[in-house]
C-alpha atoms as a PDB file:
ATOM      1  CA  MET A   1       2.333 -17.506   6.441  1.00  0.00           C
ATOM      2  CA  ALA A   2       3.279 -15.194   4.276  1.00  0.00           C
ATOM      3  CA  ARG A   3       2.758 -11.379   5.902  1.00  0.00           C
ATOM      4  CA  THR A   4       2.176  -9.872   2.357  1.00  0.00           C
ATOM      5  CA  ALA A   5      -0.244  -7.646   0.759  1.00  0.00           C
ATOM      6  CA  ARG A   6      -0.826  -5.689  -2.101  1.00  0.00           C
ATOM      7  CA  ILE A   7      -2.865  -2.768  -3.033  1.00  0.00           C
ATOM      8  CA  GLU A   8      -4.215  -1.155  -6.673  1.00  0.00           C
ATOM      9  CA  ARG A   9      -6.081   1.839  -5.972  1.00  0.00           C
ATOM     10  CA  LYS A  10      -7.459   4.739  -8.990  1.00  0.00           C
ATOM     11  CA  THR A  11      -9.607   7.805  -8.963  1.00  0.00           C
ATOM     12  CA  ALA A  12      -9.548  10.628 -10.879  1.00  0.00           C
ATOM     13  CA  GLU A  13      -6.631  12.171  -9.395  1.00  0.00           C
ATOM     14  CA  THR A  14      -4.195   8.960  -8.557  1.00  0.00           C
ATOM     15  CA  GLN A  15      -3.278   5.753  -9.549  1.00  0.00           C
ATOM     16  CA  ILE A  16      -1.457   3.643  -7.223  1.00  0.00           C
ATOM     17  CA  GLU A  17       0.394   0.730  -6.596  1.00  0.00           C
ATOM     18  CA  LEU A  18       1.799  -0.068  -3.568  1.00  0.00           C
ATOM     19  CA  SER A  19       2.413  -3.799  -2.246  1.00  0.00           C
ATOM     20  CA  LEU A  20       4.661  -4.872   1.347  1.00  0.00           C
ATOM     21  CA  ASP A  21       5.577  -8.167   3.237  1.00  0.00           C
ATOM     22  CA  LEU A  22       5.786  -6.931   7.077  1.00  0.00           C
ATOM     23  CA  ASP A  23       8.116 -10.482   7.248  1.00  0.00           C
ATOM     24  CA  GLY A  24      10.874  -7.965   4.651  1.00  0.00           C
ATOM     25  CA  GLU A  25      14.196  -6.388   5.432  1.00  0.00           C
ATOM     26  CA  GLY A  26      13.610  -2.827   4.566  1.00  0.00           C
ATOM     27  CA  ARG A  27      13.993  -2.694   1.442  1.00  0.00           C
ATOM     28  CA  SER A  28      12.459  -0.321  -0.783  1.00  0.00           C
ATOM     29  CA  GLU A  29      11.267   0.551  -4.123  1.00  0.00           C
ATOM     30  CA  ILE A  30       9.480   4.442  -4.242  1.00  0.00           C
ATOM     31  CA  ALA A  31       8.126   6.079  -6.852  1.00  0.00           C
ATOM     32  CA  THR A  32       5.362   8.902  -6.444  1.00  0.00           C
ATOM     33  CA  GLY A  33       6.825  11.713  -7.968  1.00  0.00           C
ATOM     34  CA  VAL A  34       7.193  14.103  -4.463  1.00  0.00           C
ATOM     35  CA  GLY A  35      10.797  13.923  -3.700  1.00  0.00           C
ATOM     36  CA  PHE A  36      10.609  14.833   0.063  1.00  0.00           C
ATOM     37  CA  PHE A  37       7.617  12.263   0.269  1.00  0.00           C
ATOM     38  CA  ASP A  38       9.994   9.380  -1.182  1.00  0.00           C
ATOM     39  CA  HIS A  39      12.233  10.229   1.606  1.00  0.00           C
ATOM     40  CA  MET A  40      10.158   9.503   3.844  1.00  0.00           C
ATOM     41  CA  LEU A  41       8.610   5.760   2.450  1.00  0.00           C
ATOM     42  CA  THR A  42      12.234   5.028   2.379  1.00  0.00           C
ATOM     43  CA  LEU A  43      12.735   5.689   5.627  1.00  0.00           C
ATOM     44  CA  LEU A  44       9.306   4.679   7.018  1.00  0.00           C
ATOM     45  CA  ALA A  45      10.414   0.722   5.301  1.00  0.00           C
ATOM     46  CA  LYS A  46      13.644   0.703   6.866  1.00  0.00           C
ATOM     47  CA  HIS A  47      12.778   1.316   9.987  1.00  0.00           C
ATOM     48  CA  ALA A  48       9.107  -0.823  10.129  1.00  0.00           C
ATOM     49  CA  ALA A  49      11.991  -3.320   8.538  1.00  0.00           C
ATOM     50  CA  ILE A  50       9.438  -4.312   5.965  1.00  0.00           C
ATOM     51  CA  ASP A  51       9.973  -4.590   2.193  1.00  0.00           C
ATOM     52  CA  LEU A  52       7.634  -1.597  -0.106  1.00  0.00           C
ATOM     53  CA  ASN A  53       7.014  -0.764  -3.111  1.00  0.00           C
ATOM     54  CA  VAL A  54       5.118   1.897  -4.010  1.00  0.00           C
ATOM     55  CA  LYS A  55       4.786   3.757  -7.607  1.00  0.00           C
ATOM     56  CA  ALA A  56       1.772   6.433  -7.689  1.00  0.00           C
ATOM     57  CA  GLU A  57       1.254   8.347 -10.243  1.00  0.00           C
ATOM     58  CA  GLY A  58      -1.065  11.738  -9.312  1.00  0.00           C
ATOM     59  CA  ASP A  59      -2.408  15.177 -10.225  1.00  0.00           C
ATOM     60  CA  LEU A  60       0.593  16.697  -8.935  1.00  0.00           C
ATOM     61  CA  ASP A  61       0.136  19.438 -11.223  1.00  0.00           C
ATOM     62  CA  VAL A  62      -2.509  20.483  -8.540  1.00  0.00           C
ATOM     63  CA  ASP A  63      -0.793  20.153  -5.180  1.00  0.00           C
ATOM     64  CA  GLN A  64       0.384  16.746  -3.630  1.00  0.00           C
ATOM     65  CA  HIS A  65      -2.212  16.608  -1.430  1.00  0.00           C
ATOM     66  CA  HIS A  66      -4.090  13.865  -2.586  1.00  0.00           C
ATOM     67  CA  THR A  67      -1.273  11.907  -3.531  1.00  0.00           C
ATOM     68  CA  VAL A  68       0.201  11.755  -0.444  1.00  0.00           C
ATOM     69  CA  GLU A  69      -2.849  10.810   1.370  1.00  0.00           C
ATOM     70  CA  ASP A  70      -3.748   8.330  -0.767  1.00  0.00           C
ATOM     71  CA  VAL A  71      -0.572   6.667  -0.243  1.00  0.00           C
ATOM     72  CA  GLY A  72      -1.610   6.488   3.471  1.00  0.00           C
ATOM     73  CA  ILE A  73      -4.810   5.010   2.400  1.00  0.00           C
ATOM     74  CA  CYS A  74      -3.171   2.782   0.595  1.00  0.00           C
ATOM     75  CA  LEU A  75      -0.444   1.340   2.760  1.00  0.00           C
ATOM     76  CA  GLY A  76      -2.748   1.117   5.543  1.00  0.00           C
ATOM     77  CA  MET A  77      -5.086  -1.507   3.460  1.00  0.00           C
ATOM     78  CA  ALA A  78      -1.886  -2.887   3.015  1.00  0.00           C
ATOM     79  CA  VAL A  79      -0.777  -3.636   6.726  1.00  0.00           C
ATOM     80  CA  LYS A  80      -4.855  -4.238   7.363  1.00  0.00           C
ATOM     81  CA  GLU A  81      -4.248  -6.979   4.729  1.00  0.00           C
ATOM     82  CA  ALA A  82      -1.391  -8.808   5.852  1.00  0.00           C
ATOM     83  CA  LEU A  83      -2.271  -9.009   9.156  1.00  0.00           C
ATOM     84  CA  GLY A  84      -4.720 -11.204   8.667  1.00  0.00           C
ATOM     85  CA  ASP A  85      -6.889 -12.043  11.699  1.00  0.00           C
ATOM     86  CA  LYS A  86      -3.697 -10.924  13.487  1.00  0.00           C
ATOM     87  CA  ARG A  87      -3.091 -13.908  15.761  1.00  0.00           C
ATOM     88  CA  GLY A  88       0.371 -14.035  17.462  1.00  0.00           C
ATOM     89  CA  ILE A  89       1.229 -10.294  16.939  1.00  0.00           C
ATOM     90  CA  ARG A  90       2.276  -7.583  19.817  1.00  0.00           C
ATOM     91  CA  ARG A  91      -0.263  -5.915  18.783  1.00  0.00           C
ATOM     92  CA  TYR A  92       1.274  -2.568  20.881  1.00  0.00           C
ATOM     93  CA  GLY A  93       4.178  -0.546  19.916  1.00  0.00           C
ATOM     94  CA  HIS A  94       5.780   2.983  21.089  1.00  0.00           C
ATOM     95  CA  PHE A  95       9.205   4.402  20.180  1.00  0.00           C
ATOM     96  CA  ALA A  96      10.946   7.410  21.152  1.00  0.00           C
ATOM     97  CA  LEU A  97      12.732   8.461  18.374  1.00  0.00           C
ATOM     98  CA  PRO A  98      15.862  11.840  18.641  1.00  0.00           C
ATOM     99  CA  MET A  99      17.330  12.806  15.597  1.00  0.00           C
ATOM    100  CA  GLU A 100      19.228  15.492  16.702  1.00  0.00           C
ATOM    101  CA  GLU A 101      17.190  18.393  18.398  1.00  0.00           C
ATOM    102  CA  THR A 102      14.070  16.736  17.872  1.00  0.00           C
ATOM    103  CA  LEU A 103      12.352  14.152  20.366  1.00  0.00           C
ATOM    104  CA  VAL A 104       9.351  12.207  18.761  1.00  0.00           C
ATOM    105  CA  THR A 105       6.976   9.881  20.482  1.00  0.00           C
ATOM    106  CA  ALA A 106       5.116   6.935  18.835  1.00  0.00           C
ATOM    107  CA  ALA A 107       2.474   4.662  19.789  1.00  0.00           C
ATOM    108  CA  VAL A 108       0.388   2.373  17.778  1.00  0.00           C
ATOM    109  CA  ASP A 109      -2.101  -0.312  18.872  1.00  0.00           C
ATOM    110  CA  LEU A 110      -3.451  -2.222  15.773  1.00  0.00           C
ATOM    111  CA  GLY A 111      -6.458  -3.045  18.001  1.00  0.00           C
ATOM    112  CA  GLY A 112      -9.140  -2.963  15.116  1.00  0.00           C
ATOM    113  CA  ARG A 113     -10.525   0.426  16.248  1.00  0.00           C
ATOM    114  CA  ALA A 114      -9.412   4.155  14.221  1.00  0.00           C
ATOM    115  CA  TYR A 115      -7.687   7.023  16.540  1.00  0.00           C
ATOM    116  CA  PHE A 116      -5.434   9.698  15.281  1.00  0.00           C
ATOM    117  CA  VAL A 117      -3.564  12.032  17.396  1.00  0.00           C
ATOM    118  CA  PHE A 118      -1.301  14.267  16.184  1.00  0.00           C
ATOM    119  CA  ASN A 119       0.763  16.803  18.655  1.00  0.00           C
ATOM    120  CA  VAL A 120       3.059  18.194  15.851  1.00  0.00           C
ATOM    121  CA  GLU A 121       3.501  21.945  15.050  1.00  0.00           C
ATOM    122  CA  PHE A 122       5.673  22.439  12.444  1.00  0.00           C
ATOM    123  CA  PRO A 123       8.424  25.345  12.514  1.00  0.00           C
ATOM    124  CA  ALA A 124       8.052  25.651   9.329  1.00  0.00           C
ATOM    125  CA  ALA A 125       5.409  25.579   6.723  1.00  0.00           C
ATOM    126  CA  LYS A 126       7.205  24.367   3.780  1.00  0.00           C
ATOM    127  CA  ILE A 127      10.585  21.537   3.800  1.00  0.00           C
ATOM    128  CA  GLY A 128      11.599  22.773   0.171  1.00  0.00           C
ATOM    129  CA  GLU A 129       8.383  22.147  -2.013  1.00  0.00           C
ATOM    130  CA  PHE A 130       6.407  20.008   0.815  1.00  0.00           C
ATOM    131  CA  ASP A 131       4.070  20.955   2.467  1.00  0.00           C
ATOM    132  CA  SER A 132       4.290  19.979   6.646  1.00  0.00           C
ATOM    133  CA  GLU A 133       1.000  20.015   6.988  1.00  0.00           C
ATOM    134  CA  LEU A 134       0.496  16.287   4.462  1.00  0.00           C
ATOM    135  CA  VAL A 135       2.551  14.838   7.332  1.00  0.00           C
ATOM    136  CA  ALA A 136      -0.414  14.769   9.053  1.00  0.00           C
ATOM    137  CA  ASP A 137      -2.859  14.132   6.427  1.00  0.00           C
ATOM    138  CA  PHE A 138      -0.559  10.776   5.283  1.00  0.00           C
ATOM    139  CA  TRP A 139      -0.317   9.202   8.955  1.00  0.00           C
ATOM    140  CA  GLN A 140      -4.729   9.960   9.618  1.00  0.00           C
ATOM    141  CA  ALA A 141      -5.324   8.237   6.028  1.00  0.00           C
ATOM    142  CA  PHE A 142      -3.093   5.314   7.284  1.00  0.00           C
ATOM    143  CA  SER A 143      -4.852   4.838  10.707  1.00  0.00           C
ATOM    144  CA  ALA A 144      -8.533   5.064   9.200  1.00  0.00           C
ATOM    145  CA  ASN A 145      -6.804   2.573   6.993  1.00  0.00           C
ATOM    146  CA  ALA A 146      -5.055   0.365   8.926  1.00  0.00           C
ATOM    147  CA  LEU A 147      -7.439   0.983  11.973  1.00  0.00           C
ATOM    148  CA  CYS A 148      -5.043   1.495  14.349  1.00  0.00           C
ATOM    149  CA  ASN A 149      -5.165   3.650  17.195  1.00  0.00           C
ATOM    150  CA  LEU A 150      -1.868   6.004  16.418  1.00  0.00           C
ATOM    151  CA  HIS A 151      -0.928   8.653  19.019  1.00  0.00           C
ATOM    152  CA  VAL A 152       2.482  10.906  18.137  1.00  0.00           C
ATOM    153  CA  ASN A 153       3.994  13.536  20.268  1.00  0.00           C
ATOM    154  CA  LEU A 154       6.579  16.021  19.107  1.00  0.00           C
ATOM    155  CA  HIS A 155       8.016  17.096  22.420  1.00  0.00           C
ATOM    156  CA  TYR A 156      10.595  19.597  20.854  1.00  0.00           C
ATOM    157  CA  GLY A 157      12.060  19.948  17.541  1.00  0.00           C
ATOM    158  CA  ARG A 158      13.801  23.461  15.954  1.00  0.00           C
ATOM    159  CA  ASN A 159      13.900  22.021  11.996  1.00  0.00           C
ATOM    160  CA  SER A 160      10.768  20.689  10.091  1.00  0.00           C
ATOM    161  CA  HIS A 161      12.753  18.350   8.357  1.00  0.00           C
ATOM    162  CA  HIS A 162      14.093  16.749  11.155  1.00  0.00           C
ATOM    163  CA  VAL A 163      10.915  16.643  12.803  1.00  0.00           C
ATOM    164  CA  ALA A 164       9.172  15.170   9.339  1.00  0.00           C
ATOM    165  CA  GLU A 165      11.785  12.071   9.337  1.00  0.00           C
ATOM    166  CA  ALA A 166      11.527  11.657  13.329  1.00  0.00           C
ATOM    167  CA  VAL A 167       7.970  11.411  13.168  1.00  0.00           C
ATOM    168  CA  PHE A 168       8.267   8.557  10.143  1.00  0.00           C
ATOM    169  CA  LYS A 169      11.086   6.910  11.796  1.00  0.00           C
ATOM    170  CA  ALA A 170       9.218   6.927  15.431  1.00  0.00           C
ATOM    171  CA  ALA A 171       6.210   5.782  13.653  1.00  0.00           C
ATOM    172  CA  ALA A 172       7.697   3.019  11.473  1.00  0.00           C
ATOM    173  CA  ARG A 173       9.512   1.502  14.630  1.00  0.00           C
ATOM    174  CA  ALA A 174       6.240   1.684  16.765  1.00  0.00           C
ATOM    175  CA  LEU A 175       4.355  -0.181  13.757  1.00  0.00           C
ATOM    176  CA  ARG A 176       7.869  -2.563  13.654  1.00  0.00           C
ATOM    177  CA  GLY A 177       7.335  -3.613  17.430  1.00  0.00           C
ATOM    178  CA  ALA A 178       3.293  -4.219  17.145  1.00  0.00           C
ATOM    179  CA  VAL A 179       3.431  -6.554  13.670  1.00  0.00           C
ATOM    180  CA  GLU A 180       5.906  -8.522  15.325  1.00  0.00           C
ATOM    181  CA  ALA A 181       5.549 -12.124  16.491  1.00  0.00           C
ATOM    182  CA  ASP A 182       4.994 -12.081  20.131  1.00  0.00           C
ATOM    183  CA  PRO A 183       6.113 -15.814  21.414  1.00  0.00           C
ATOM    184  CA  ARG A 184       3.900 -16.321  24.243  1.00  0.00           C
ATOM    185  CA  ILE A 185       0.912 -15.495  22.460  1.00  0.00           C
ATOM    186  CA  THR A 186      -0.755 -17.983  20.328  1.00  0.00           C
ATOM    187  CA  GLY A 187      -3.850 -16.633  19.825  1.00  0.00           C
ATOM    188  CA  VAL A 188      -6.005 -13.285  18.836  1.00  0.00           C
ATOM    189  CA  PRO A 189      -4.056 -10.184  21.582  1.00  0.00           C
ATOM    190  CA  SER A 190      -7.063  -9.185  23.469  1.00  0.00           C
ATOM    191  CA  THR A 191      -9.495 -10.761  25.975  1.00  0.00           C
ATOM    192  CA  LYS A 192     -12.818 -10.556  23.491  1.00  0.00           C
ATOM    193  CA  GLY A 193     -10.970 -13.144  21.403  1.00  0.00           C
ATOM    194  CA  THR A 194     -11.168 -10.977  17.787  1.00  0.00           C
ATOM    195  CA  LEU A 195      -9.639  -7.938  16.646  1.00  0.00           C
END
């Protein structure tokens, strides 16, 4: 059974088309109009081993916030849809990722309830033209719409680019582990019988 989803979302601020395949090979086609964000989404696809296509048009004349947050909403919705009833998945995933001087740990639970913890302080407010605070906004929107717990902790780091990249890679690797099939589980991975 294909674990794929396609989301289209149109508001007065953004127009987004997003598709993904959870059992992909890390291929991506990303065009959001925000260069650094495109870079983050490209490496997210690679490290989560999902195929991801994103086309977003937003009110970048205002700022980048609506585009970044709304892509997070769409990605969360797509992951939730592609997982279906979540039978046979591992459900939990975690990863500690070093990025030169930076170390980030991410942990995810695809248990059907949204909760987001982001213990990350960026050394700089900007990464090029990208607002560092948008990293948290993206993952908050993702977790709220994927209905998952996502905890991200920065242990240490000096360079804001490295911190952001480590956050995206660690979260991607944690997600990869959580959506993988568990050969020892045939039903839903919960004593409640549903997620």
